[in-house]
């Protein structure tokens, strides 16, 4: 009885894993679609990438300034609204 339960449990587990893998392979895009997605990413546009670099630099500068000060910057933002 115990051996039968082990065999059925193992078979069920293999079936569930096979079903999961089958569903995953159906959902994932093909090679052509993957190349098209990569081509249309914002990082592939040099102008957009430069804007992102500038924005990230400004954010990092603001974070650095906020870390170096003892003032509560967030409270100043609430008063100015």
C-alpha atoms as a PDB file:
ATOM      1  CA  UNK A   1       0.000   0.000   0.000  1.00  0.00           C
ATOM      2  CA  UNK A   2       2.811   2.379   0.886  1.00  0.00           C
ATOM      3  CA  UNK A   3       4.682   1.590  -2.331  1.00  0.00           C
ATOM      4  CA  UNK A   4       1.557   2.273  -4.393  1.00  0.00           C
ATOM      5  CA  UNK A   5       1.077   5.619  -2.648  1.00  0.00           C
ATOM      6  CA  UNK A   6       4.716   6.551  -3.350  1.00  0.00           C
ATOM      7  CA  UNK A   7       4.418   5.618  -7.027  1.00  0.00           C
ATOM      8  CA  UNK A   8       1.164   7.565  -7.432  1.00  0.00           C
ATOM      9  CA  UNK A   9       2.597  10.593  -5.614  1.00  0.00           C
ATOM     10  CA  UNK A  10       5.735  10.581  -7.724  1.00  0.00           C
ATOM     11  CA  UNK A  11       3.722  10.182 -10.928  1.00  0.00           C
ATOM     12  CA  UNK A  12       1.466  13.065  -9.919  1.00  0.00           C
ATOM     13  CA  UNK A  13       4.447  15.274  -9.135  1.00  0.00           C
ATOM     14  CA  UNK A  14       6.083  14.506 -12.492  1.00  0.00           C
ATOM     15  CA  UNK A  15       2.774  15.214 -14.270  1.00  0.00           C
ATOM     16  CA  UNK A  16       2.373  18.586 -12.517  1.00  0.00           C
ATOM     17  CA  UNK A  17       5.964  19.558 -13.322  1.00  0.00           C
ATOM     18  CA  UNK A  18       5.492  18.509 -16.959  1.00  0.00           C
ATOM     19  CA  UNK A  19       2.293  20.535 -17.193  1.00  0.00           C
ATOM     20  CA  UNK A  20       4.054  23.580 -15.717  1.00  0.00           C
ATOM     21  CA  UNK A  21       6.938  23.275 -18.144  1.00  0.00           C
ATOM     22  CA  UNK A  22       4.528  22.868 -21.068  1.00  0.00           C
ATOM     23  CA  UNK A  23       2.575  25.975 -20.085  1.00  0.00           C
ATOM     24  CA  UNK A  24       5.817  27.932 -19.600  1.00  0.00           C
ATOM     25  CA  UNK A  25       7.070  26.974 -23.057  1.00  0.00           C
ATOM     26  CA  UNK A  26       3.772  28.049 -24.632  1.00  0.00           C
ATOM     27  CA  UNK A  27       3.798  31.446 -22.901  1.00  0.00           C
ATOM     28  CA  UNK A  28       7.425  32.431 -23.581  1.00  0.00           C
ATOM     29  CA  UNK A  29       7.966  34.379 -26.818  1.00  0.00           C
ATOM     30  CA  UNK A  30       9.797  32.882 -29.762  1.00  0.00           C
ATOM     31  CA  UNK A  31      13.194  33.987 -31.012  1.00  0.00           C
ATOM     32  CA  UNK A  32      11.748  36.455 -33.562  1.00  0.00           C
ATOM     33  CA  UNK A  33       9.500  38.079 -30.964  1.00  0.00           C
ATOM     34  CA  UNK A  34      12.373  38.261 -28.474  1.00  0.00           C
ATOM     35  CA  UNK A  35      14.605  40.063 -31.008  1.00  0.00           C
ATOM     36  CA  UNK A  36      11.778  42.495 -31.800  1.00  0.00           C
ATOM     37  CA  UNK A  37      11.254  43.235 -28.106  1.00  0.00           C
ATOM     38  CA  UNK A  38      14.956  43.861 -27.572  1.00  0.00           C
ATOM     39  CA  UNK A  39      15.077  46.167 -30.596  1.00  0.00           C
ATOM     40  CA  UNK A  40      12.187  48.265 -29.224  1.00  0.00           C
ATOM     41  CA  UNK A  41      13.527  48.643 -25.687  1.00  0.00           C
ATOM     42  CA  UNK A  42      14.115  52.237 -24.549  1.00  0.00           C
ATOM     43  CA  UNK A  43      17.771  51.392 -23.901  1.00  0.00           C
ATOM     44  CA  UNK A  44      18.321  50.851 -27.624  1.00  0.00           C
ATOM     45  CA  UNK A  45      17.517  54.521 -28.359  1.00  0.00           C
ATOM     46  CA  UNK A  46      20.664  56.624 -27.666  1.00  0.00           C
ATOM     47  CA  UNK A  47      18.709  59.856 -27.074  1.00  0.00           C
ATOM     48  CA  UNK A  48      16.389  58.234 -24.584  1.00  0.00           C
ATOM     49  CA  UNK A  49      19.320  56.559 -22.873  1.00  0.00           C
ATOM     50  CA  UNK A  50      21.105  59.896 -22.442  1.00  0.00           C
ATOM     51  CA  UNK A  51      17.964  61.427 -20.894  1.00  0.00           C
ATOM     52  CA  UNK A  52      17.795  58.508 -18.484  1.00  0.00           C
ATOM     53  CA  UNK A  53      21.455  58.979 -17.519  1.00  0.00           C
ATOM     54  CA  UNK A  54      20.915  62.688 -16.834  1.00  0.00           C
ATOM     55  CA  UNK A  55      17.791  62.006 -14.770  1.00  0.00           C
ATOM     56  CA  UNK A  56      19.576  59.317 -12.770  1.00  0.00           C
ATOM     57  CA  UNK A  57      22.497  61.669 -12.143  1.00  0.00           C
ATOM     58  CA  UNK A  58      20.126  64.360 -10.845  1.00  0.00           C
ATOM     59  CA  UNK A  59      18.368  61.890  -8.567  1.00  0.00           C
ATOM     60  CA  UNK A  60      21.681  60.602  -7.219  1.00  0.00           C
ATOM     61  CA  UNK A  61      22.870  64.182  -6.631  1.00  0.00           C
ATOM     62  CA  UNK A  62      19.681  64.977  -4.702  1.00  0.00           C
ATOM     63  CA  UNK A  63      20.054  61.807  -2.625  1.00  0.00           C
ATOM     64  CA  UNK A  64      23.692  62.624  -1.885  1.00  0.00           C
ATOM     65  CA  UNK A  65      22.800  66.155  -0.780  1.00  0.00           C
ATOM     66  CA  UNK A  66      19.978  64.825   1.372  1.00  0.00           C
ATOM     67  CA  UNK A  67      22.292  62.303   3.012  1.00  0.00           C
ATOM     68  CA  UNK A  68      24.893  64.968   3.823  1.00  0.00           C
ATOM     69  CA  UNK A  69      22.473  67.349   5.531  1.00  0.00           C
ATOM     70  CA  UNK A  70      20.879  67.121   8.968  1.00  0.00           C
ATOM     71  CA  UNK A  71      17.772  69.024   7.838  1.00  0.00           C
ATOM     72  CA  UNK A  72      14.495  67.233   7.224  1.00  0.00           C
ATOM     73  CA  UNK A  73      13.993  67.851   3.516  1.00  0.00           C
ATOM     74  CA  UNK A  74      10.573  66.173   3.399  1.00  0.00           C
ATOM     75  CA  UNK A  75       9.057  68.617   5.876  1.00  0.00           C
ATOM     76  CA  UNK A  76      10.132  71.533   3.683  1.00  0.00           C
ATOM     77  CA  UNK A  77       8.290  70.027   0.737  1.00  0.00           C
ATOM     78  CA  UNK A  78       5.009  69.874   2.645  1.00  0.00           C
ATOM     79  CA  UNK A  79       5.145  73.557   3.601  1.00  0.00           C
ATOM     80  CA  UNK A  80       5.761  74.724   0.061  1.00  0.00           C
ATOM     81  CA  UNK A  81       2.596  73.143  -1.308  1.00  0.00           C
END
